[in-house]
Amino acid sequence: MSLTEARFHDLVDATQQALEDIFDESGEDLDQENSAGVLTVKFENGSQLIFSRQEPLRQLWLAARSGGFHFDYDEESGHWMCDKTEEQLGEMLARLVQEQAGVELDFDEI
């Protein structure tokens, strides 16, 4: 069963807010910008993570230094899952933030 448009937007909004909160509370020197549903996180070393919603596909997309990743929401687990690796968004983010910025953050709630 695919997500309704309203449910999809609610999920992405909640996910982006949770991400903003984690980055805000991290104490790291980073910049965040959320504009037109695109969340950009810029780290001190110049690397970025960009989260965007792909409404027609009902996916959350993540652009990182190592590539682009597409996530589908899994109602059963309550997590965004990568459509290629089946890795949870939070697990992937912990790894990518460590690789890109050398920072350990906890994304368990994502």
N, C-alpha and C. Protein backbone atom coordinates (compact mmCIF):
# COMPACT_ATOMS: atom_id res chain seq x y z
N MET A 1 0.85 -1.18 0.00
CA MET A 1 0.00 0.00 0.00
C MET A 1 0.90 1.24 0.00
N SER A 2 0.66 2.13 -0.92
CA SER A 2 1.50 3.32 -0.99
C SER A 2 0.96 4.40 -0.06
N LEU A 3 1.84 5.31 0.30
CA LEU A 3 1.48 6.40 1.19
C LEU A 3 0.56 7.39 0.49
N THR A 4 -0.36 7.94 1.23
CA THR A 4 -1.13 9.05 0.68
C THR A 4 -0.21 10.27 0.62
N GLU A 5 -0.58 11.24 -0.18
CA GLU A 5 0.23 12.45 -0.30
C GLU A 5 0.37 13.15 1.06
N ALA A 6 -0.75 13.25 1.78
CA ALA A 6 -0.74 13.93 3.08
C ALA A 6 0.16 13.19 4.07
N ARG A 7 0.03 11.86 4.13
CA ARG A 7 0.86 11.06 5.05
C ARG A 7 2.33 11.19 4.68
N PHE A 8 2.64 11.14 3.40
CA PHE A 8 4.02 11.29 2.94
C PHE A 8 4.61 12.62 3.42
N HIS A 9 3.88 13.72 3.20
CA HIS A 9 4.38 15.03 3.62
C HIS A 9 4.54 15.12 5.13
N ASP A 10 3.60 14.54 5.87
CA ASP A 10 3.69 14.53 7.33
C ASP A 10 4.95 13.78 7.79
N LEU A 11 5.21 12.65 7.17
CA LEU A 11 6.38 11.84 7.53
C LEU A 11 7.68 12.57 7.21
N VAL A 12 7.76 13.16 6.02
CA VAL A 12 8.98 13.89 5.64
C VAL A 12 9.17 15.10 6.56
N ASP A 13 8.09 15.83 6.82
CA ASP A 13 8.20 17.00 7.71
C ASP A 13 8.70 16.58 9.09
N ALA A 14 8.15 15.52 9.62
CA ALA A 14 8.55 15.04 10.95
C ALA A 14 10.01 14.57 10.94
N THR A 15 10.40 13.90 9.88
CA THR A 15 11.78 13.40 9.76
C THR A 15 12.75 14.57 9.67
N GLN A 16 12.42 15.55 8.83
CA GLN A 16 13.31 16.70 8.69
C GLN A 16 13.40 17.49 9.99
N GLN A 17 12.30 17.62 10.71
CA GLN A 17 12.34 18.32 12.00
C GLN A 17 13.21 17.57 13.00
N ALA A 18 13.07 16.25 13.03
CA ALA A 18 13.89 15.44 13.94
C ALA A 18 15.36 15.57 13.58
N LEU A 19 15.68 15.59 12.29
CA LEU A 19 17.07 15.77 11.85
C LEU A 19 17.59 17.14 12.29
N GLU A 20 16.79 18.17 12.06
CA GLU A 20 17.21 19.52 12.47
C GLU A 20 17.50 19.56 13.97
N ASP A 21 16.64 18.92 14.76
CA ASP A 21 16.83 18.90 16.21
C ASP A 21 18.13 18.19 16.58
N ILE A 22 18.40 17.05 15.95
CA ILE A 22 19.63 16.31 16.25
C ILE A 22 20.85 17.15 15.91
N PHE A 23 20.84 17.78 14.74
CA PHE A 23 21.99 18.60 14.34
C PHE A 23 22.12 19.84 15.25
N ASP A 24 20.98 20.46 15.59
CA ASP A 24 21.00 21.63 16.49
C ASP A 24 21.60 21.29 17.84
N GLU A 25 21.21 20.14 18.36
CA GLU A 25 21.62 19.75 19.71
C GLU A 25 23.00 19.11 19.75
N SER A 26 23.63 18.92 18.59
CA SER A 26 24.91 18.22 18.52
C SER A 26 26.06 19.05 19.05
N GLY A 27 25.90 20.38 19.06
CA GLY A 27 27.00 21.24 19.48
C GLY A 27 28.06 21.41 18.41
N GLU A 28 27.84 20.81 17.25
CA GLU A 28 28.80 20.92 16.15
C GLU A 28 28.63 22.26 15.44
N ASP A 29 29.71 22.70 14.80
CA ASP A 29 29.68 23.94 14.02
C ASP A 29 29.18 23.60 12.62
N LEU A 30 27.89 23.75 12.41
CA LEU A 30 27.30 23.44 11.11
C LEU A 30 26.17 24.41 10.82
N ASP A 31 25.84 24.51 9.54
CA ASP A 31 24.74 25.37 9.11
C ASP A 31 23.64 24.51 8.54
N GLN A 32 22.40 24.90 8.85
CA GLN A 32 21.23 24.20 8.30
C GLN A 32 20.34 25.20 7.59
N GLU A 33 19.79 24.76 6.50
CA GLU A 33 18.82 25.58 5.79
C GLU A 33 17.69 24.67 5.33
N ASN A 34 16.46 25.06 5.64
CA ASN A 34 15.31 24.30 5.19
C ASN A 34 14.46 25.23 4.33
N SER A 35 14.45 24.97 3.04
CA SER A 35 13.75 25.83 2.11
C SER A 35 13.00 24.98 1.09
N ALA A 36 11.71 25.26 0.94
CA ALA A 36 10.87 24.55 -0.03
C ALA A 36 10.97 23.03 0.12
N GLY A 37 11.03 22.57 1.37
CA GLY A 37 11.04 21.13 1.62
C GLY A 37 12.39 20.47 1.43
N VAL A 38 13.45 21.25 1.22
CA VAL A 38 14.80 20.72 1.06
C VAL A 38 15.62 21.15 2.28
N LEU A 39 16.15 20.18 2.99
CA LEU A 39 16.99 20.45 4.15
C LEU A 39 18.44 20.25 3.76
N THR A 40 19.24 21.31 3.89
CA THR A 40 20.67 21.24 3.59
C THR A 40 21.44 21.43 4.89
N VAL A 41 22.36 20.51 5.15
CA VAL A 41 23.21 20.58 6.32
C VAL A 41 24.65 20.72 5.82
N LYS A 42 25.30 21.81 6.21
CA LYS A 42 26.69 22.08 5.81
C LYS A 42 27.58 21.96 7.02
N PHE A 43 28.59 21.09 6.89
CA PHE A 43 29.53 20.86 7.99
C PHE A 43 30.71 21.81 7.91
N GLU A 44 31.44 21.90 9.01
CA GLU A 44 32.57 22.82 9.12
C GLU A 44 33.61 22.59 8.01
N ASN A 45 33.76 21.33 7.57
CA ASN A 45 34.76 21.01 6.55
C ASN A 45 34.25 21.27 5.12
N GLY A 46 33.05 21.82 5.00
CA GLY A 46 32.50 22.16 3.69
C GLY A 46 31.64 21.08 3.06
N SER A 47 31.64 19.88 3.63
CA SER A 47 30.79 18.83 3.06
C SER A 47 29.33 19.07 3.45
N GLN A 48 28.44 18.48 2.67
CA GLN A 48 27.01 18.71 2.88
C GLN A 48 26.22 17.41 2.83
N LEU A 49 25.07 17.46 3.47
CA LEU A 49 24.02 16.46 3.29
C LEU A 49 22.79 17.24 2.84
N ILE A 50 22.12 16.73 1.82
CA ILE A 50 20.92 17.40 1.32
C ILE A 50 19.77 16.38 1.30
N PHE A 51 18.71 16.74 2.02
CA PHE A 51 17.52 15.88 2.11
C PHE A 51 16.40 16.53 1.32
N SER A 52 15.81 15.79 0.39
CA SER A 52 14.72 16.35 -0.40
C SER A 52 13.61 15.32 -0.56
N ARG A 53 12.40 15.84 -0.73
CA ARG A 53 11.25 14.96 -0.92
C ARG A 53 10.98 14.80 -2.41
N GLN A 54 10.70 13.58 -2.81
CA GLN A 54 10.34 13.29 -4.18
C GLN A 54 8.89 12.81 -4.16
N GLU A 55 8.02 13.79 -4.26
CA GLU A 55 6.59 13.52 -4.07
C GLU A 55 6.03 12.47 -5.02
N PRO A 56 6.31 12.54 -6.33
CA PRO A 56 5.71 11.55 -7.23
C PRO A 56 6.08 10.11 -6.87
N LEU A 57 7.28 9.92 -6.33
CA LEU A 57 7.75 8.58 -5.97
C LEU A 57 7.49 8.25 -4.50
N ARG A 58 7.03 9.25 -3.71
CA ARG A 58 6.83 9.10 -2.27
C ARG A 58 8.13 8.64 -1.61
N GLN A 59 9.23 9.27 -2.02
CA GLN A 59 10.53 8.93 -1.46
C GLN A 59 11.19 10.14 -0.83
N LEU A 60 12.07 9.87 0.12
CA LEU A 60 12.96 10.86 0.70
C LEU A 60 14.33 10.60 0.08
N TRP A 61 14.91 11.63 -0.51
CA TRP A 61 16.22 11.48 -1.15
C TRP A 61 17.28 12.14 -0.31
N LEU A 62 18.46 11.53 -0.30
CA LEU A 62 19.61 12.05 0.43
C LEU A 62 20.79 12.13 -0.52
N ALA A 63 21.35 13.33 -0.65
CA ALA A 63 22.58 13.52 -1.41
C ALA A 63 23.71 13.70 -0.42
N ALA A 64 24.75 12.89 -0.59
CA ALA A 64 25.91 12.93 0.30
C ALA A 64 27.17 12.88 -0.56
N ARG A 65 28.30 13.07 0.07
CA ARG A 65 29.57 13.03 -0.67
C ARG A 65 29.74 11.69 -1.40
N SER A 66 29.28 10.62 -0.79
CA SER A 66 29.46 9.28 -1.37
C SER A 66 28.39 8.91 -2.39
N GLY A 67 27.39 9.78 -2.61
CA GLY A 67 26.39 9.48 -3.63
C GLY A 67 25.00 9.90 -3.23
N GLY A 68 24.05 9.47 -4.04
CA GLY A 68 22.65 9.76 -3.79
C GLY A 68 21.92 8.50 -3.35
N PHE A 69 21.02 8.67 -2.40
CA PHE A 69 20.30 7.53 -1.83
C PHE A 69 18.81 7.85 -1.79
N HIS A 70 18.00 6.84 -2.09
CA HIS A 70 16.55 7.00 -2.13
C HIS A 70 15.93 6.11 -1.07
N PHE A 71 15.02 6.71 -0.27
CA PHE A 71 14.42 5.99 0.85
C PHE A 71 12.91 5.91 0.69
N ASP A 72 12.39 4.71 0.94
CA ASP A 72 10.94 4.46 0.98
C ASP A 72 10.57 4.28 2.44
N TYR A 73 9.38 4.75 2.81
CA TYR A 73 8.93 4.58 4.20
C TYR A 73 8.33 3.20 4.37
N ASP A 74 8.82 2.49 5.37
CA ASP A 74 8.32 1.15 5.69
C ASP A 74 7.37 1.25 6.88
N GLU A 75 6.07 1.13 6.61
CA GLU A 75 5.07 1.27 7.66
C GLU A 75 5.26 0.23 8.77
N GLU A 76 5.69 -0.96 8.38
CA GLU A 76 5.82 -2.05 9.35
C GLU A 76 6.87 -1.72 10.41
N SER A 77 8.03 -1.23 9.96
CA SER A 77 9.11 -0.93 10.90
C SER A 77 9.05 0.51 11.41
N GLY A 78 8.35 1.37 10.67
CA GLY A 78 8.29 2.78 11.04
C GLY A 78 9.56 3.54 10.71
N HIS A 79 10.30 3.06 9.71
CA HIS A 79 11.57 3.69 9.33
C HIS A 79 11.63 3.94 7.82
N TRP A 80 12.44 4.93 7.45
CA TRP A 80 12.79 5.14 6.05
C TRP A 80 13.89 4.14 5.72
N MET A 81 13.70 3.39 4.64
CA MET A 81 14.65 2.34 4.25
C MET A 81 15.21 2.65 2.86
N CYS A 82 16.53 2.51 2.72
CA CYS A 82 17.17 2.75 1.43
C CYS A 82 16.68 1.69 0.43
N ASP A 83 16.27 2.15 -0.76
CA ASP A 83 15.71 1.21 -1.72
C ASP A 83 16.77 0.31 -2.37
N LYS A 84 18.06 0.62 -2.19
CA LYS A 84 19.13 -0.22 -2.75
C LYS A 84 19.77 -1.11 -1.69
N THR A 85 20.12 -0.53 -0.54
CA THR A 85 20.86 -1.28 0.47
C THR A 85 19.96 -1.83 1.58
N GLU A 86 18.73 -1.34 1.66
CA GLU A 86 17.79 -1.68 2.72
C GLU A 86 18.29 -1.25 4.10
N GLU A 87 19.24 -0.32 4.12
CA GLU A 87 19.74 0.25 5.36
C GLU A 87 18.74 1.31 5.85
N GLN A 88 18.53 1.38 7.15
CA GLN A 88 17.66 2.41 7.71
C GLN A 88 18.34 3.77 7.57
N LEU A 89 17.54 4.80 7.39
CA LEU A 89 18.05 6.16 7.25
C LEU A 89 18.97 6.53 8.42
N GLY A 90 18.52 6.27 9.64
CA GLY A 90 19.32 6.63 10.81
C GLY A 90 20.67 5.95 10.83
N GLU A 91 20.71 4.65 10.46
CA GLU A 91 21.97 3.92 10.43
C GLU A 91 22.90 4.52 9.38
N MET A 92 22.36 4.79 8.20
CA MET A 92 23.18 5.34 7.13
C MET A 92 23.70 6.73 7.51
N LEU A 93 22.85 7.54 8.13
CA LEU A 93 23.27 8.89 8.52
C LEU A 93 24.41 8.86 9.54
N ALA A 94 24.33 7.97 10.51
CA ALA A 94 25.40 7.87 11.51
C ALA A 94 26.72 7.58 10.80
N ARG A 95 26.69 6.69 9.83
CA ARG A 95 27.90 6.32 9.08
C ARG A 95 28.36 7.48 8.20
N LEU A 96 27.44 8.10 7.45
CA LEU A 96 27.81 9.17 6.53
C LEU A 96 28.35 10.40 7.25
N VAL A 97 27.73 10.78 8.37
CA VAL A 97 28.20 11.94 9.13
C VAL A 97 29.60 11.67 9.67
N GLN A 98 29.83 10.45 10.11
CA GLN A 98 31.17 10.07 10.59
C GLN A 98 32.18 10.15 9.45
N GLU A 99 31.83 9.61 8.27
CA GLU A 99 32.73 9.61 7.11
C GLU A 99 33.00 11.03 6.62
N GLN A 100 31.95 11.83 6.50
CA GLN A 100 32.07 13.15 5.89
C GLN A 100 32.66 14.20 6.83
N ALA A 101 32.24 14.17 8.08
CA ALA A 101 32.59 15.26 8.99
C ALA A 101 33.38 14.81 10.21
N GLY A 102 33.59 13.50 10.35
CA GLY A 102 34.32 13.01 11.50
C GLY A 102 33.58 13.19 12.81
N VAL A 103 32.26 13.23 12.72
CA VAL A 103 31.42 13.50 13.89
C VAL A 103 30.55 12.28 14.18
N GLU A 104 30.46 11.92 15.45
CA GLU A 104 29.57 10.82 15.86
C GLU A 104 28.28 11.41 16.40
N LEU A 105 27.19 11.13 15.71
CA LEU A 105 25.87 11.57 16.18
C LEU A 105 24.95 10.37 16.26
N ASP A 106 23.95 10.47 17.12
CA ASP A 106 22.99 9.39 17.34
C ASP A 106 21.71 9.71 16.57
N PHE A 107 21.42 8.89 15.57
CA PHE A 107 20.20 9.06 14.77
C PHE A 107 19.20 7.94 15.02
N ASP A 108 19.26 7.33 16.21
CA ASP A 108 18.39 6.18 16.51
C ASP A 108 16.90 6.54 16.40
N GLU A 109 16.54 7.80 16.69
CA GLU A 109 15.12 8.16 16.69
C GLU A 109 14.58 8.42 15.28
N ILE A 110 15.44 8.40 14.28
CA ILE A 110 15.00 8.67 12.90
C ILE A 110 14.41 7.40 12.30
